[in-house]
Amino acid sequence: MPPVALSAVIITRNASRHLPACLESVRFADETIVVDSGSTDGTAELAAARGARVVQKEWLGYGPQKQFAVEQARNDWVLCVDSDERVSPELKQSIEEALGAPVAPVYRMARRNQFLGRWLSHGEGYPDWSPRLFNRMNARWSDDLVHEKVLYAVTPGTLKGDLMHESYDDLGAYLERQNRYTTLAARREFERGRRAGVFHLVFSPLVRFVKFYVFRLGFLDGMPGLLHILTGCMNSCVKYAKLIELQRNESRP
């Protein structure tokens, strides 16, 4: 039985800096689709020159944009990667083996995050399990505008090898992006009817720190590991602070 055909799907916006490495790492796929949302740095032209099929689509939010990309694929099996990620050689081999005789419609893989120039090996930075290889008849991306996830109702298979997430941001750029994410996350929680108080402000960051820095051994990643979890704890606090602000604005006459 021949392996099933695979489509690699990528969403982009001004990603010309790191897209070449991403595209090179998914060359084993039968097709590559890049859904671009108005790049002005030559991203779309670069992708087309490297053999990808480029589709332009206005920005819908992370979840809807990724689902739109999945729907552009010619094949039911899709591999979803971000433009600043690349498939490691071991992961490539594992994907090819899985597609030779699939035993599950969804597969998860370990995502290894780079932070402040260091590949994290513990805490929140690794293994960061992510279901990115799936049959689109059995799974789809959520509608979340941020912190999107793949939705499925099966037990996923597990692949060997890492999906490498290469971040080129300095700390300032990273924090600026996290500020945008917490705003979107607070708005999402507010629209879902969730409410927050002092308990969330205090204990959510504390529990997060103990879980990932202590029990998940984040301290073994040195200073980058400490800054990574402290930023995550700050994000928890800021998200709930923004949610409380939305609540108070709603209650004002």
C-alpha atoms as a PDB file:
ATOM      1  CA  MET A   1       0.000   0.000   0.000  1.00  0.00           C
ATOM      2  CA  PRO A   2       1.543   3.348  -1.045  1.00  0.00           C
ATOM      3  CA  PRO A   3       1.786   6.135   1.540  1.00  0.00           C
ATOM      4  CA  VAL A   4      -1.114   8.570   1.609  1.00  0.00           C
ATOM      5  CA  ALA A   5      -0.626  11.917  -0.131  1.00  0.00           C
ATOM      6  CA  LEU A   6       0.278  14.818   2.151  1.00  0.00           C
ATOM      7  CA  SER A   7      -0.306  18.570   1.944  1.00  0.00           C
ATOM      8  CA  ALA A   8       1.846  20.927   4.009  1.00  0.00           C
ATOM      9  CA  VAL A   9      -0.040  24.116   4.889  1.00  0.00           C
ATOM     10  CA  ILE A  10       1.500  27.342   6.182  1.00  0.00           C
ATOM     11  CA  ILE A  11       0.006  30.747   7.007  1.00  0.00           C
ATOM     12  CA  THR A  12       2.197  33.807   6.528  1.00  0.00           C
ATOM     13  CA  ARG A  13       2.464  37.537   6.845  1.00  0.00           C
ATOM     14  CA  ASN A  14       5.833  39.215   6.272  1.00  0.00           C
ATOM     15  CA  ALA A  15       7.663  35.955   6.927  1.00  0.00           C
ATOM     16  CA  SER A  16      10.434  36.145   4.329  1.00  0.00           C
ATOM     17  CA  ARG A  17      13.141  35.984   6.990  1.00  0.00           C
ATOM     18  CA  HIS A  18      12.433  32.468   8.195  1.00  0.00           C
ATOM     19  CA  LEU A  19      10.110  31.002   5.535  1.00  0.00           C
ATOM     20  CA  PRO A  20      12.916  29.480   3.378  1.00  0.00           C
ATOM     21  CA  ALA A  21      14.005  27.097   6.153  1.00  0.00           C
ATOM     22  CA  CYS A  22      10.367  26.156   6.798  1.00  0.00           C
ATOM     23  CA  LEU A  23       9.683  25.417   3.137  1.00  0.00           C
ATOM     24  CA  GLU A  24      12.879  23.407   2.780  1.00  0.00           C
ATOM     25  CA  SER A  25      11.902  21.230   5.751  1.00  0.00           C
ATOM     26  CA  VAL A  26       8.514  20.248   4.233  1.00  0.00           C
ATOM     27  CA  ARG A  27       9.740  19.508   0.709  1.00  0.00           C
ATOM     28  CA  PHE A  28       8.858  15.852   1.244  1.00  0.00           C
ATOM     29  CA  ALA A  29       5.134  16.724   1.183  1.00  0.00           C
ATOM     30  CA  ASP A  30       3.238  16.153  -2.065  1.00  0.00           C
ATOM     31  CA  GLU A  31       2.198  19.802  -2.129  1.00  0.00           C
ATOM     32  CA  THR A  32       2.787  22.930  -0.089  1.00  0.00           C
ATOM     33  CA  ILE A  33       0.160  25.641   0.321  1.00  0.00           C
ATOM     34  CA  VAL A  34       1.038  29.068   1.676  1.00  0.00           C
ATOM     35  CA  VAL A  35      -1.901  31.245   2.698  1.00  0.00           C
ATOM     36  CA  ASP A  36      -0.610  34.790   2.866  1.00  0.00           C
ATOM     37  CA  SER A  37      -2.392  37.767   4.391  1.00  0.00           C
ATOM     38  CA  GLY A  38      -1.015  40.773   2.551  1.00  0.00           C
ATOM     39  CA  SER A  39       2.741  40.486   3.055  1.00  0.00           C
ATOM     40  CA  THR A  40       4.797  43.448   1.884  1.00  0.00           C
ATOM     41  CA  ASP A  41       8.266  41.889   2.221  1.00  0.00           C
ATOM     42  CA  GLY A  42       8.197  39.493  -0.735  1.00  0.00           C
ATOM     43  CA  THR A  43       6.914  36.494   1.240  1.00  0.00           C
ATOM     44  CA  ALA A  44       4.385  35.429  -1.397  1.00  0.00           C
ATOM     45  CA  GLU A  45       6.884  35.759  -4.243  1.00  0.00           C
ATOM     46  CA  LEU A  46       9.498  33.803  -2.296  1.00  0.00           C
ATOM     47  CA  ALA A  47       7.035  31.003  -1.573  1.00  0.00           C
ATOM     48  CA  ALA A  48       5.918  30.778  -5.195  1.00  0.00           C
ATOM     49  CA  ALA A  49       9.520  30.710  -6.427  1.00  0.00           C
ATOM     50  CA  ARG A  50      10.164  27.719  -4.150  1.00  0.00           C
ATOM     51  CA  GLY A  51       7.245  25.754  -5.559  1.00  0.00           C
ATOM     52  CA  ALA A  52       4.485  26.506  -3.068  1.00  0.00           C
ATOM     53  CA  ARG A  53       0.933  27.237  -4.150  1.00  0.00           C
ATOM     54  CA  VAL A  54       0.157  30.706  -2.781  1.00  0.00           C
ATOM     55  CA  VAL A  55      -3.349  31.796  -1.804  1.00  0.00           C
ATOM     56  CA  GLN A  56      -4.082  35.326  -0.637  1.00  0.00           C
ATOM     57  CA  LYS A  57      -6.590  35.716   2.194  1.00  0.00           C
ATOM     58  CA  GLU A  58      -7.314  38.661   4.486  1.00  0.00           C
ATOM     59  CA  TRP A  59      -6.485  37.965   8.129  1.00  0.00           C
ATOM     60  CA  LEU A  60      -9.261  36.079   9.942  1.00  0.00           C
ATOM     61  CA  GLY A  61      -7.543  35.309  13.237  1.00  0.00           C
ATOM     62  CA  TYR A  62      -5.193  32.405  13.934  1.00  0.00           C
ATOM     63  CA  GLY A  63      -7.720  29.573  14.179  1.00  0.00           C
ATOM     64  CA  PRO A  64      -9.941  30.570  11.221  1.00  0.00           C
ATOM     65  CA  GLN A  65      -6.886  31.413   9.071  1.00  0.00           C
ATOM     66  CA  LYS A  66      -5.326  27.997   9.685  1.00  0.00           C
ATOM     67  CA  GLN A  67      -8.614  26.231   8.996  1.00  0.00           C
ATOM     68  CA  PHE A  68      -8.980  28.171   5.746  1.00  0.00           C
ATOM     69  CA  ALA A  69      -5.474  26.996   4.799  1.00  0.00           C
ATOM     70  CA  VAL A  70      -6.401  23.375   5.547  1.00  0.00           C
ATOM     71  CA  GLU A  71      -9.439  23.710   3.289  1.00  0.00           C
ATOM     72  CA  GLN A  72      -7.227  24.771   0.358  1.00  0.00           C
ATOM     73  CA  ALA A  73      -5.347  21.459   0.408  1.00  0.00           C
ATOM     74  CA  ARG A  74      -5.875  18.924  -2.357  1.00  0.00           C
ATOM     75  CA  ASN A  75      -5.243  16.030   0.037  1.00  0.00           C
ATOM     76  CA  ASP A  76      -7.110  14.999   3.177  1.00  0.00           C
ATOM     77  CA  TRP A  77      -3.911  14.471   5.157  1.00  0.00           C
ATOM     78  CA  VAL A  78      -2.368  17.787   6.149  1.00  0.00           C
ATOM     79  CA  LEU A  79       0.725  18.874   8.039  1.00  0.00           C
ATOM     80  CA  CYS A  80       0.251  22.305   9.611  1.00  0.00           C
ATOM     81  CA  VAL A  81       3.390  24.286  10.375  1.00  0.00           C
ATOM     82  CA  ASP A  82       4.006  27.940  11.156  1.00  0.00           C
ATOM     83  CA  SER A  83       6.386  29.969   9.034  1.00  0.00           C
ATOM     84  CA  ASP A  84       8.940  30.153  11.860  1.00  0.00           C
ATOM     85  CA  GLU A  85       8.893  26.388  12.422  1.00  0.00           C
ATOM     86  CA  ARG A  86      10.758  23.616  10.657  1.00  0.00           C
ATOM     87  CA  VAL A  87      10.464  19.849  10.598  1.00  0.00           C
ATOM     88  CA  SER A  88      13.530  18.112  11.979  1.00  0.00           C
ATOM     89  CA  PRO A  89      15.007  15.178  10.007  1.00  0.00           C
ATOM     90  CA  GLU A  90      13.872  12.697  12.677  1.00  0.00           C
ATOM     91  CA  LEU A  91      10.333  14.104  12.608  1.00  0.00           C
ATOM     92  CA  LYS A  92      10.281  13.942   8.795  1.00  0.00           C
ATOM     93  CA  GLN A  93      11.191  10.262   8.916  1.00  0.00           C
ATOM     94  CA  SER A  94       8.554   9.595  11.554  1.00  0.00           C
ATOM     95  CA  ILE A  95       5.869  11.365   9.494  1.00  0.00           C
ATOM     96  CA  GLU A  96       6.737   9.346   6.397  1.00  0.00           C
ATOM     97  CA  GLU A  97       6.598   6.116   8.382  1.00  0.00           C
ATOM     98  CA  ALA A  98       3.229   7.035   9.896  1.00  0.00           C
ATOM     99  CA  LEU A  99       1.736   7.880   6.511  1.00  0.00           C
ATOM    100  CA  GLY A 100       2.979   4.584   5.098  1.00  0.00           C
ATOM    101  CA  ALA A 101       0.358   2.819   7.222  1.00  0.00           C
ATOM    102  CA  PRO A 102      -1.669   5.276   9.365  1.00  0.00           C
ATOM    103  CA  VAL A 103      -2.966   3.810  12.621  1.00  0.00           C
ATOM    104  CA  ALA A 104      -4.580   7.048  13.836  1.00  0.00           C
ATOM    105  CA  PRO A 105      -6.264   9.982  12.043  1.00  0.00           C
ATOM    106  CA  VAL A 106      -4.389  12.519  14.200  1.00  0.00           C
ATOM    107  CA  TYR A 107      -0.730  12.597  15.223  1.00  0.00           C
ATOM    108  CA  ARG A 108       0.942  14.827  17.761  1.00  0.00           C
ATOM    109  CA  MET A 109       4.583  15.885  17.807  1.00  0.00           C
ATOM    110  CA  ALA A 110       6.920  17.521  20.288  1.00  0.00           C
ATOM    111  CA  ARG A 111       7.483  21.214  19.610  1.00  0.00           C
ATOM    112  CA  ARG A 112      10.835  22.553  20.755  1.00  0.00           C
ATOM    113  CA  ASN A 113      10.867  26.292  21.403  1.00  0.00           C
ATOM    114  CA  GLN A 114      13.821  28.610  21.069  1.00  0.00           C
ATOM    115  CA  PHE A 115      13.897  31.515  23.514  1.00  0.00           C
ATOM    116  CA  LEU A 116      16.577  34.200  23.767  1.00  0.00           C
ATOM    117  CA  GLY A 117      18.903  32.113  21.623  1.00  0.00           C
ATOM    118  CA  ARG A 118      18.550  28.860  23.583  1.00  0.00           C
ATOM    119  CA  TRP A 119      16.630  25.722  22.678  1.00  0.00           C
ATOM    120  CA  LEU A 120      14.483  24.969  25.727  1.00  0.00           C
ATOM    121  CA  SER A 121      14.378  21.373  26.951  1.00  0.00           C
ATOM    122  CA  HIS A 122      12.009  21.621  29.938  1.00  0.00           C
ATOM    123  CA  GLY A 123       9.158  23.635  31.428  1.00  0.00           C
ATOM    124  CA  GLU A 124       6.647  25.194  29.058  1.00  0.00           C
ATOM    125  CA  GLY A 125       9.206  25.201  26.250  1.00  0.00           C
ATOM    126  CA  TYR A 126       9.429  21.447  25.712  1.00  0.00           C
ATOM    127  CA  PRO A 127       7.954  19.040  24.735  1.00  0.00           C
ATOM    128  CA  ASP A 128       4.915  21.311  24.084  1.00  0.00           C
ATOM    129  CA  TRP A 129       2.927  18.495  22.425  1.00  0.00           C
ATOM    130  CA  SER A 130       1.144  19.714  19.291  1.00  0.00           C
ATOM    131  CA  PRO A 131      -1.260  17.759  17.023  1.00  0.00           C
ATOM    132  CA  ARG A 132      -0.187  19.054  13.615  1.00  0.00           C
ATOM    133  CA  LEU A 133      -0.522  16.018  11.325  1.00  0.00           C
ATOM    134  CA  PHE A 134      -4.104  14.922  10.755  1.00  0.00           C
ATOM    135  CA  ASN A 135      -6.757  13.779   8.355  1.00  0.00           C
ATOM    136  CA  ARG A 136      -8.998  16.805   7.909  1.00  0.00           C
ATOM    137  CA  MET A 137     -12.043  14.520   7.834  1.00  0.00           C
ATOM    138  CA  ASN A 138     -11.384  13.816  11.512  1.00  0.00           C
ATOM    139  CA  ALA A 139      -9.990  17.090  12.872  1.00  0.00           C
ATOM    140  CA  ARG A 140     -10.105  20.841  12.367  1.00  0.00           C
ATOM    141  CA  TRP A 141      -8.712  24.062  13.825  1.00  0.00           C
ATOM    142  CA  SER A 142     -10.765  25.858  16.457  1.00  0.00           C
ATOM    143  CA  ASP A 143     -12.304  29.260  15.776  1.00  0.00           C
ATOM    144  CA  ASP A 144     -10.135  30.956  18.415  1.00  0.00           C
ATOM    145  CA  LEU A 145      -8.521  34.175  17.223  1.00  0.00           C
ATOM    146  CA  VAL A 146      -5.489  33.421  19.412  1.00  0.00           C
ATOM    147  CA  HIS A 147      -4.257  30.305  21.264  1.00  0.00           C
ATOM    148  CA  GLU A 148      -5.945  28.213  18.597  1.00  0.00           C
ATOM    149  CA  LYS A 149      -5.954  24.428  18.844  1.00  0.00           C
ATOM    150  CA  VAL A 150      -6.758  21.370  16.756  1.00  0.00           C
ATOM    151  CA  LEU A 151     -10.118  19.826  17.678  1.00  0.00           C
ATOM    152  CA  TYR A 152     -10.573  16.053  17.469  1.00  0.00           C
ATOM    153  CA  ALA A 153     -12.360  13.237  19.286  1.00  0.00           C
ATOM    154  CA  VAL A 154      -9.869  10.402  18.887  1.00  0.00           C
ATOM    155  CA  THR A 155      -6.734   9.206  20.638  1.00  0.00           C
ATOM    156  CA  PRO A 156      -3.810  10.727  18.719  1.00  0.00           C
ATOM    157  CA  GLY A 157      -0.699   8.878  17.678  1.00  0.00           C
ATOM    158  CA  THR A 158       2.690  10.208  18.785  1.00  0.00           C
ATOM    159  CA  LEU A 159       5.530  10.936  16.385  1.00  0.00           C
ATOM    160  CA  LYS A 160       9.246  10.855  17.114  1.00  0.00           C
ATOM    161  CA  GLY A 161      11.353  13.936  16.431  1.00  0.00           C
ATOM    162  CA  ASP A 162      10.818  17.634  17.065  1.00  0.00           C
ATOM    163  CA  LEU A 163       9.045  20.492  15.352  1.00  0.00           C
ATOM    164  CA  MET A 164      11.607  23.246  15.781  1.00  0.00           C
ATOM    165  CA  HIS A 165      10.186  26.680  16.583  1.00  0.00           C
ATOM    166  CA  GLU A 166      12.881  29.246  15.818  1.00  0.00           C
ATOM    167  CA  SER A 167      12.170  32.621  17.365  1.00  0.00           C
ATOM    168  CA  TYR A 168      14.251  35.560  16.182  1.00  0.00           C
ATOM    169  CA  ASP A 169      12.559  38.052  18.482  1.00  0.00           C
ATOM    170  CA  ASP A 170      14.454  39.997  21.094  1.00  0.00           C
ATOM    171  CA  LEU A 171      12.769  40.270  24.471  1.00  0.00           C
ATOM    172  CA  GLY A 172      11.089  43.566  23.605  1.00  0.00           C
ATOM    173  CA  ALA A 173       9.475  42.194  20.450  1.00  0.00           C
ATOM    174  CA  TYR A 174       8.441  39.034  22.281  1.00  0.00           C
ATOM    175  CA  LEU A 175       6.740  41.019  25.055  1.00  0.00           C
ATOM    176  CA  GLU A 176       5.010  43.253  22.524  1.00  0.00           C
ATOM    177  CA  ARG A 177       3.535  40.196  20.813  1.00  0.00           C
ATOM    178  CA  GLN A 178       2.471  38.705  24.142  1.00  0.00           C
ATOM    179  CA  ASN A 179       0.656  41.947  24.957  1.00  0.00           C
ATOM    180  CA  ARG A 180      -1.416  41.545  21.797  1.00  0.00           C
ATOM    181  CA  TYR A 181      -2.120  37.908  22.627  1.00  0.00           C
ATOM    182  CA  THR A 182      -3.323  38.671  26.153  1.00  0.00           C
ATOM    183  CA  THR A 183      -5.694  41.330  24.822  1.00  0.00           C
ATOM    184  CA  LEU A 184      -7.220  38.858  22.370  1.00  0.00           C
ATOM    185  CA  ALA A 185      -7.365  36.119  25.002  1.00  0.00           C
ATOM    186  CA  ALA A 186      -9.139  38.384  27.512  1.00  0.00           C
ATOM    187  CA  ARG A 187     -11.655  39.432  24.895  1.00  0.00           C
ATOM    188  CA  ARG A 188     -12.295  35.786  23.996  1.00  0.00           C
ATOM    189  CA  GLU A 189     -12.906  34.824  27.634  1.00  0.00           C
ATOM    190  CA  PHE A 190     -15.174  37.831  28.137  1.00  0.00           C
ATOM    191  CA  GLU A 191     -17.290  36.958  25.096  1.00  0.00           C
ATOM    192  CA  ARG A 192     -17.626  33.408  26.396  1.00  0.00           C
ATOM    193  CA  GLY A 193     -19.049  34.746  29.645  1.00  0.00           C
ATOM    194  CA  ARG A 194     -16.068  33.927  31.826  1.00  0.00           C
ATOM    195  CA  ARG A 195     -15.353  36.246  34.756  1.00  0.00           C
ATOM    196  CA  ALA A 196     -12.214  36.782  36.853  1.00  0.00           C
ATOM    197  CA  GLY A 197     -11.281  38.163  40.249  1.00  0.00           C
ATOM    198  CA  VAL A 198      -8.404  38.469  42.690  1.00  0.00           C
ATOM    199  CA  PHE A 199      -8.117  34.688  42.955  1.00  0.00           C
ATOM    200  CA  HIS A 200      -7.238  34.396  39.264  1.00  0.00           C
ATOM    201  CA  LEU A 201      -4.787  37.298  39.412  1.00  0.00           C
ATOM    202  CA  VAL A 202      -2.845  35.745  42.271  1.00  0.00           C
ATOM    203  CA  PHE A 203      -3.088  31.988  41.957  1.00  0.00           C
ATOM    204  CA  SER A 204      -3.035  31.450  38.174  1.00  0.00           C
ATOM    205  CA  PRO A 205       0.541  32.792  37.817  1.00  0.00           C
ATOM    206  CA  LEU A 206       1.631  31.004  40.998  1.00  0.00           C
ATOM    207  CA  VAL A 207       0.307  27.613  39.913  1.00  0.00           C
ATOM    208  CA  ARG A 208       1.821  28.090  36.475  1.00  0.00           C
ATOM    209  CA  PHE A 209       5.248  28.851  37.944  1.00  0.00           C
ATOM    210  CA  VAL A 210       5.259  25.851  40.274  1.00  0.00           C
ATOM    211  CA  LYS A 211       3.998  23.488  37.575  1.00  0.00           C
ATOM    212  CA  PHE A 212       6.462  24.395  34.846  1.00  0.00           C
ATOM    213  CA  TYR A 213       9.511  25.805  36.632  1.00  0.00           C
ATOM    214  CA  VAL A 214       9.591  23.305  39.493  1.00  0.00           C
ATOM    215  CA  PHE A 215       7.781  20.103  38.523  1.00  0.00           C
ATOM    216  CA  ARG A 216       8.542  20.338  34.794  1.00  0.00           C
ATOM    217  CA  LEU A 217      12.187  21.257  35.575  1.00  0.00           C
ATOM    218  CA  GLY A 218      12.184  24.624  33.812  1.00  0.00           C
ATOM    219  CA  PHE A 219      15.031  25.703  36.094  1.00  0.00           C
ATOM    220  CA  LEU A 220      17.368  23.411  34.128  1.00  0.00           C
ATOM    221  CA  ASP A 221      17.126  25.795  31.146  1.00  0.00           C
ATOM    222  CA  GLY A 222      19.059  28.495  32.966  1.00  0.00           C
ATOM    223  CA  MET A 223      18.251  32.176  32.615  1.00  0.00           C
ATOM    224  CA  PRO A 224      16.248  31.763  29.361  1.00  0.00           C
ATOM    225  CA  GLY A 225      14.113  29.157  31.122  1.00  0.00           C
ATOM    226  CA  LEU A 226      13.487  31.458  34.068  1.00  0.00           C
ATOM    227  CA  LEU A 227      12.586  34.419  31.859  1.00  0.00           C
ATOM    228  CA  HIS A 228      10.347  32.208  29.725  1.00  0.00           C
ATOM    229  CA  ILE A 229       8.235  31.025  32.658  1.00  0.00           C
ATOM    230  CA  LEU A 230       8.179  34.474  34.309  1.00  0.00           C
ATOM    231  CA  THR A 231       6.842  35.913  31.055  1.00  0.00           C
ATOM    232  CA  GLY A 232       4.215  33.184  30.948  1.00  0.00           C
ATOM    233  CA  CYS A 233       3.191  33.963  34.540  1.00  0.00           C
ATOM    234  CA  MET A 234       2.998  37.655  33.718  1.00  0.00           C
ATOM    235  CA  ASN A 235       0.790  36.818  30.735  1.00  0.00           C
ATOM    236  CA  SER A 236      -1.608  34.935  33.018  1.00  0.00           C
ATOM    237  CA  CYS A 237      -1.864  37.908  35.351  1.00  0.00           C
ATOM    238  CA  VAL A 238      -2.216  40.463  32.542  1.00  0.00           C
ATOM    239  CA  LYS A 239      -4.883  38.437  30.753  1.00  0.00           C
ATOM    240  CA  TYR A 240      -7.041  38.305  33.873  1.00  0.00           C
ATOM    241  CA  ALA A 241      -6.378  41.982  34.616  1.00  0.00           C
ATOM    242  CA  LYS A 242      -7.650  42.850  31.132  1.00  0.00           C
ATOM    243  CA  LEU A 243     -10.660  40.579  31.647  1.00  0.00           C
ATOM    244  CA  ILE A 244     -11.472  42.369  34.930  1.00  0.00           C
ATOM    245  CA  GLU A 245     -11.209  45.693  33.094  1.00  0.00           C
ATOM    246  CA  LEU A 246     -13.699  44.468  30.477  1.00  0.00           C
ATOM    247  CA  GLN A 247     -16.060  43.381  33.270  1.00  0.00           C
ATOM    248  CA  ARG A 248     -15.888  46.780  34.937  1.00  0.00           C
ATOM    249  CA  ASN A 249     -16.437  48.633  31.666  1.00  0.00           C
ATOM    250  CA  GLU A 250     -19.519  46.489  31.068  1.00  0.00           C
ATOM    251  CA  SER A 251     -20.990  47.347  34.475  1.00  0.00           C
ATOM    252  CA  ARG A 252     -20.578  51.090  34.092  1.00  0.00           C
ATOM    253  CA  PRO A 253     -23.788  53.028  33.327  1.00  0.00           C
END
